[in-house]
Each structure stands twice: as structure tokens, then as C-alpha cells.
C-alpha atoms as a PDB file:
ATOM      1  CA  UNK A   1      27.846  10.427  18.149  1.00  0.00           C
ATOM      2  CA  UNK A   2      25.015   9.361  16.617  1.00  0.00           C
ATOM      3  CA  UNK A   3      25.808   7.363  13.039  1.00  0.00           C
ATOM      4  CA  UNK A   4      23.830  10.319  11.391  1.00  0.00           C
ATOM      5  CA  UNK A   5      26.174  12.909  12.682  1.00  0.00           C
ATOM      6  CA  UNK A   6      29.173  10.942  11.851  1.00  0.00           C
ATOM      7  CA  UNK A   7      27.940  10.402   8.393  1.00  0.00           C
ATOM      8  CA  UNK A   8      27.141  14.084   8.153  1.00  0.00           C
ATOM      9  CA  UNK A   9      30.997  14.607   9.402  1.00  0.00           C
ATOM     10  CA  UNK A  10      32.116  12.157   6.855  1.00  0.00           C
ATOM     11  CA  UNK A  11      30.369  13.917   4.056  1.00  0.00           C
ATOM     12  CA  UNK A  12      31.289  17.266   4.977  1.00  0.00           C
ATOM     13  CA  UNK A  13      35.022  16.308   5.118  1.00  0.00           C
ATOM     14  CA  UNK A  14      35.258  14.501   1.633  1.00  0.00           C
ATOM     15  CA  UNK A  15      33.440  17.382   0.170  1.00  0.00           C
ATOM     16  CA  UNK A  16      36.014  20.050   1.856  1.00  0.00           C
ATOM     17  CA  UNK A  17      39.064  18.022   0.223  1.00  0.00           C
ATOM     18  CA  UNK A  18      37.513  17.337  -3.026  1.00  0.00           C
ATOM     19  CA  UNK A  19      38.923  20.781  -4.112  1.00  0.00           C
ATOM     20  CA  UNK A  20      43.026  19.169  -3.552  1.00  0.00           C
ATOM     21  CA  UNK A  21      43.164  17.204  -6.452  1.00  0.00           C
ATOM     22  CA  UNK A  22      42.086  19.897  -8.883  1.00  0.00           C
ATOM     23  CA  UNK A  23      43.922  22.398  -7.729  1.00  0.00           C
ATOM     24  CA  UNK A  24      47.154  20.010  -7.899  1.00  0.00           C
ATOM     25  CA  UNK A  25      46.185  19.513 -11.204  1.00  0.00           C
ATOM     26  CA  UNK A  26      45.850  23.200 -12.222  1.00  0.00           C
ATOM     27  CA  UNK A  27      49.411  23.755 -10.431  1.00  0.00           C
ATOM     28  CA  UNK A  28      50.652  21.038 -13.085  1.00  0.00           C
ATOM     29  CA  UNK A  29      49.204  22.568 -16.023  1.00  0.00           C
ATOM     30  CA  UNK A  30      49.609  26.180 -15.609  1.00  0.00           C
ATOM     31  CA  UNK A  31      52.839  26.332 -13.078  1.00  0.00           C
ATOM     32  CA  UNK A  32      52.197  27.863  -9.816  1.00  0.00           C
ATOM     33  CA  UNK A  33      52.301  31.493 -10.448  1.00  0.00           C
ATOM     34  CA  UNK A  34      49.550  31.310 -12.973  1.00  0.00           C
ATOM     35  CA  UNK A  35      47.661  28.777 -10.456  1.00  0.00           C
ATOM     36  CA  UNK A  36      47.807  31.604  -8.060  1.00  0.00           C
ATOM     37  CA  UNK A  37      47.384  34.720 -10.521  1.00  0.00           C
ATOM     38  CA  UNK A  38      45.041  35.844 -12.975  1.00  0.00           C
ATOM     39  CA  UNK A  39      46.580  34.917 -16.363  1.00  0.00           C
ATOM     40  CA  UNK A  40      45.036  36.609 -19.476  1.00  0.00           C
ATOM     41  CA  UNK A  41      44.820  33.083 -21.265  1.00  0.00           C
ATOM     42  CA  UNK A  42      45.178  30.174 -18.951  1.00  0.00           C
ATOM     43  CA  UNK A  43      45.754  26.827 -20.235  1.00  0.00           C
ATOM     44  CA  UNK A  44      42.743  24.475 -19.809  1.00  0.00           C
ATOM     45  CA  UNK A  45      43.215  22.122 -17.163  1.00  0.00           C
ATOM     46  CA  UNK A  46      42.932  18.330 -17.297  1.00  0.00           C
ATOM     47  CA  UNK A  47      39.746  17.326 -18.480  1.00  0.00           C
ATOM     48  CA  UNK A  48      39.502  14.718 -15.403  1.00  0.00           C
ATOM     49  CA  UNK A  49      40.193  17.901 -13.221  1.00  0.00           C
ATOM     50  CA  UNK A  50      37.519  19.813 -14.915  1.00  0.00           C
ATOM     51  CA  UNK A  51      34.815  17.162 -13.982  1.00  0.00           C
ATOM     52  CA  UNK A  52      36.230  16.988 -10.305  1.00  0.00           C
ATOM     53  CA  UNK A  53      35.289  20.778 -10.125  1.00  0.00           C
ATOM     54  CA  UNK A  54      31.894  20.040 -11.452  1.00  0.00           C
ATOM     55  CA  UNK A  55      31.432  17.022  -9.108  1.00  0.00           C
ATOM     56  CA  UNK A  56      32.349  19.192  -6.269  1.00  0.00           C
ATOM     57  CA  UNK A  57      30.184  21.697  -6.947  1.00  0.00           C
ATOM     58  CA  UNK A  58      27.339  19.491  -6.891  1.00  0.00           C
ATOM     59  CA  UNK A  59      28.400  17.807  -3.706  1.00  0.00           C
ATOM     60  CA  UNK A  60      28.402  21.077  -2.087  1.00  0.00           C
ATOM     61  CA  UNK A  61      24.844  21.819  -3.355  1.00  0.00           C
ATOM     62  CA  UNK A  62      23.637  18.792  -2.093  1.00  0.00           C
ATOM     63  CA  UNK A  63      25.402  18.780   1.098  1.00  0.00           C
ATOM     64  CA  UNK A  64      23.285  21.683   1.942  1.00  0.00           C
ATOM     65  CA  UNK A  65      19.954  19.642   1.756  1.00  0.00           C
ATOM     66  CA  UNK A  66      21.716  16.827   3.441  1.00  0.00           C
ATOM     67  CA  UNK A  67      23.125  18.734   6.406  1.00  0.00           C
ATOM     68  CA  UNK A  68      19.606  20.706   6.527  1.00  0.00           C
ATOM     69  CA  UNK A  69      17.756  17.318   6.779  1.00  0.00           C
ATOM     70  CA  UNK A  70      19.836  15.460   9.227  1.00  0.00           C
ATOM     71  CA  UNK A  71      20.161  18.459  11.647  1.00  0.00           C
ATOM     72  CA  UNK A  72      16.594  18.936  11.538  1.00  0.00           C
ATOM     73  CA  UNK A  73      16.150  15.193  12.090  1.00  0.00           C
ATOM     74  CA  UNK A  74      18.407  15.620  14.977  1.00  0.00           C
ATOM     75  CA  UNK A  75      17.039  18.824  16.414  1.00  0.00           C
ATOM     76  CA  UNK A  76      13.492  16.960  16.266  1.00  0.00           C
ATOM     77  CA  UNK A  77      14.860  14.018  18.179  1.00  0.00           C
ATOM     78  CA  UNK A  78      14.043  11.660  15.085  1.00  0.00           C
ATOM     79  CA  UNK A  79      17.006   8.690  14.964  1.00  0.00           C
ATOM     80  CA  UNK A  80      16.575   5.087  14.031  1.00  0.00           C
ATOM     81  CA  UNK A  81      17.591   2.380  11.493  1.00  0.00           C
ATOM     82  CA  UNK A  82      15.807   4.151   8.395  1.00  0.00           C
ATOM     83  CA  UNK A  83      17.536   7.445   9.063  1.00  0.00           C
ATOM     84  CA  UNK A  84      21.066   5.844  10.038  1.00  0.00           C
ATOM     85  CA  UNK A  85      20.798   3.491   6.847  1.00  0.00           C
ATOM     86  CA  UNK A  86      19.604   6.826   4.422  1.00  0.00           C
ATOM     87  CA  UNK A  87      22.896   8.327   5.853  1.00  0.00           C
ATOM     88  CA  UNK A  88      25.262   5.599   5.333  1.00  0.00           C
ATOM     89  CA  UNK A  89      23.784   5.186   1.372  1.00  0.00           C
ATOM     90  CA  UNK A  90      23.893   8.900   1.146  1.00  0.00           C
ATOM     91  CA  UNK A  91      27.833   8.734   1.985  1.00  0.00           C
ATOM     92  CA  UNK A  92      28.564   6.081  -0.119  1.00  0.00           C
ATOM     93  CA  UNK A  93      26.549   7.141  -3.082  1.00  0.00           C
ATOM     94  CA  UNK A  94      28.500  10.529  -2.534  1.00  0.00           C
ATOM     95  CA  UNK A  95      31.636   8.667  -3.067  1.00  0.00           C
ATOM     96  CA  UNK A  96      30.673   6.781  -6.177  1.00  0.00           C
ATOM     97  CA  UNK A  97      29.224   9.712  -7.655  1.00  0.00           C
ATOM     98  CA  UNK A  98      32.552  11.883  -7.174  1.00  0.00           C
ATOM     99  CA  UNK A  99      34.673   9.200  -8.555  1.00  0.00           C
ATOM    100  CA  UNK A 100      32.331   8.329 -11.508  1.00  0.00           C
ATOM    101  CA  UNK A 101      32.006  11.935 -12.451  1.00  0.00           C
ATOM    102  CA  UNK A 102      35.745  12.316 -12.181  1.00  0.00           C
ATOM    103  CA  UNK A 103      36.413   9.288 -14.266  1.00  0.00           C
ATOM    104  CA  UNK A 104      33.604   9.909 -16.818  1.00  0.00           C
ATOM    105  CA  UNK A 105      31.584   6.840 -16.094  1.00  0.00           C
ATOM    106  CA  UNK A 106      28.141   8.251 -16.995  1.00  0.00           C
ATOM    107  CA  UNK A 107      25.666   5.956 -16.133  1.00  0.00           C
ATOM    108  CA  UNK A 108      27.163   5.055 -12.711  1.00  0.00           C
ATOM    109  CA  UNK A 109      27.521   9.074 -12.007  1.00  0.00           C
ATOM    110  CA  UNK A 110      23.461   9.330 -12.820  1.00  0.00           C
ATOM    111  CA  UNK A 111      22.848   6.330 -10.948  1.00  0.00           C
ATOM    112  CA  UNK A 112      24.696   7.349  -7.764  1.00  0.00           C
ATOM    113  CA  UNK A 113      23.094  10.577  -7.899  1.00  0.00           C
ATOM    114  CA  UNK A 114      20.060   8.978  -7.814  1.00  0.00           C
ATOM    115  CA  UNK A 115      20.681   6.792  -4.850  1.00  0.00           C
ATOM    116  CA  UNK A 116      21.722   9.959  -2.788  1.00  0.00           C
ATOM    117  CA  UNK A 117      18.507  11.951  -4.002  1.00  0.00           C
ATOM    118  CA  UNK A 118      16.532   9.228  -2.590  1.00  0.00           C
ATOM    119  CA  UNK A 119      18.579   8.896   0.514  1.00  0.00           C
ATOM    120  CA  UNK A 120      17.591  12.549   0.988  1.00  0.00           C
ATOM    121  CA  UNK A 121      14.177  11.336   0.174  1.00  0.00           C
ATOM    122  CA  UNK A 122      13.904   8.743   3.127  1.00  0.00           C
ATOM    123  CA  UNK A 123      15.320  11.539   5.697  1.00  0.00           C
ATOM    124  CA  UNK A 124      12.824  14.166   4.399  1.00  0.00           C
ATOM    125  CA  UNK A 125      10.049  11.373   4.868  1.00  0.00           C
ATOM    126  CA  UNK A 126      11.104  10.573   8.134  1.00  0.00           C
ATOM    127  CA  UNK A 127      10.806  13.686   9.247  1.00  0.00           C
ATOM    128  CA  UNK A 128       7.410  14.488   7.968  1.00  0.00           C
ATOM    129  CA  UNK A 129       6.141  11.192   9.123  1.00  0.00           C
ATOM    130  CA  UNK A 130       7.870  11.086  12.652  1.00  0.00           C
ATOM    131  CA  UNK A 131       7.440  14.757  13.683  1.00  0.00           C
END
């Protein structure tokens, strides 16, 4: 497996698992029956869990762009140091982003998001100049 696809798999896996901690928090805060039901006035989740839900939504939104770029590069046969590095940087930027968002570290969160964006831009640039 090329490293670009490996990092796409890793990004997809962590994005797919991000819901687990905030659902566990929901069960702890509300109880199992309210967590799986539709209570009229549900107790609010912990602040960290609310932030993690937002980080998860952001990760899903960005996964669409990242996956499209990686798969387009694969289909076009574009692979090399720049694309592999961009994918690795994107993965680690997303790990830092979800942690910084969950634990309320604002500057780090924004910087991690920007790094991930530039990694995506690098992939797009490689597609445009090499296709």
C-alpha cells in the first residue's frame, strides 16, 4: 500500500472512532435510557464532549476533501515525496486538531487546522501541476 493510501486509511479510522468518547460521556451524564432515547430536557454533555463533537464534525467535513484529493492522485498515478509528506502531515495535523479542540487549546487548534489545510493544498497543487 502506498503511504498516501495508508494515511487516508488512518485518517478515516480515527475520524470513524471519534464518536466513542462523547457517546460514553453522554451515557455517563444522562444515563443509558436518556442517552439512547429522546428526553424532553436532556442534561448537557460535558464541555470537552461538546467540543469533541464539533471536532468530529470538522474532521468529517475535511475528510471529504482529503479523501477526494488522495483518491484523485491515486487514479492519476501521482505519487511521490510531496504527496506522501502532505498525507503524513495531514494525518498528524488532524490528530493535534482533535486533541487541541477537545481540550480547549485555541491557538494550537487553529494552527493544526491551518497545517492540515496547507497539506490538502499541497495535494491539490501536485494534482494540478502533474496531471
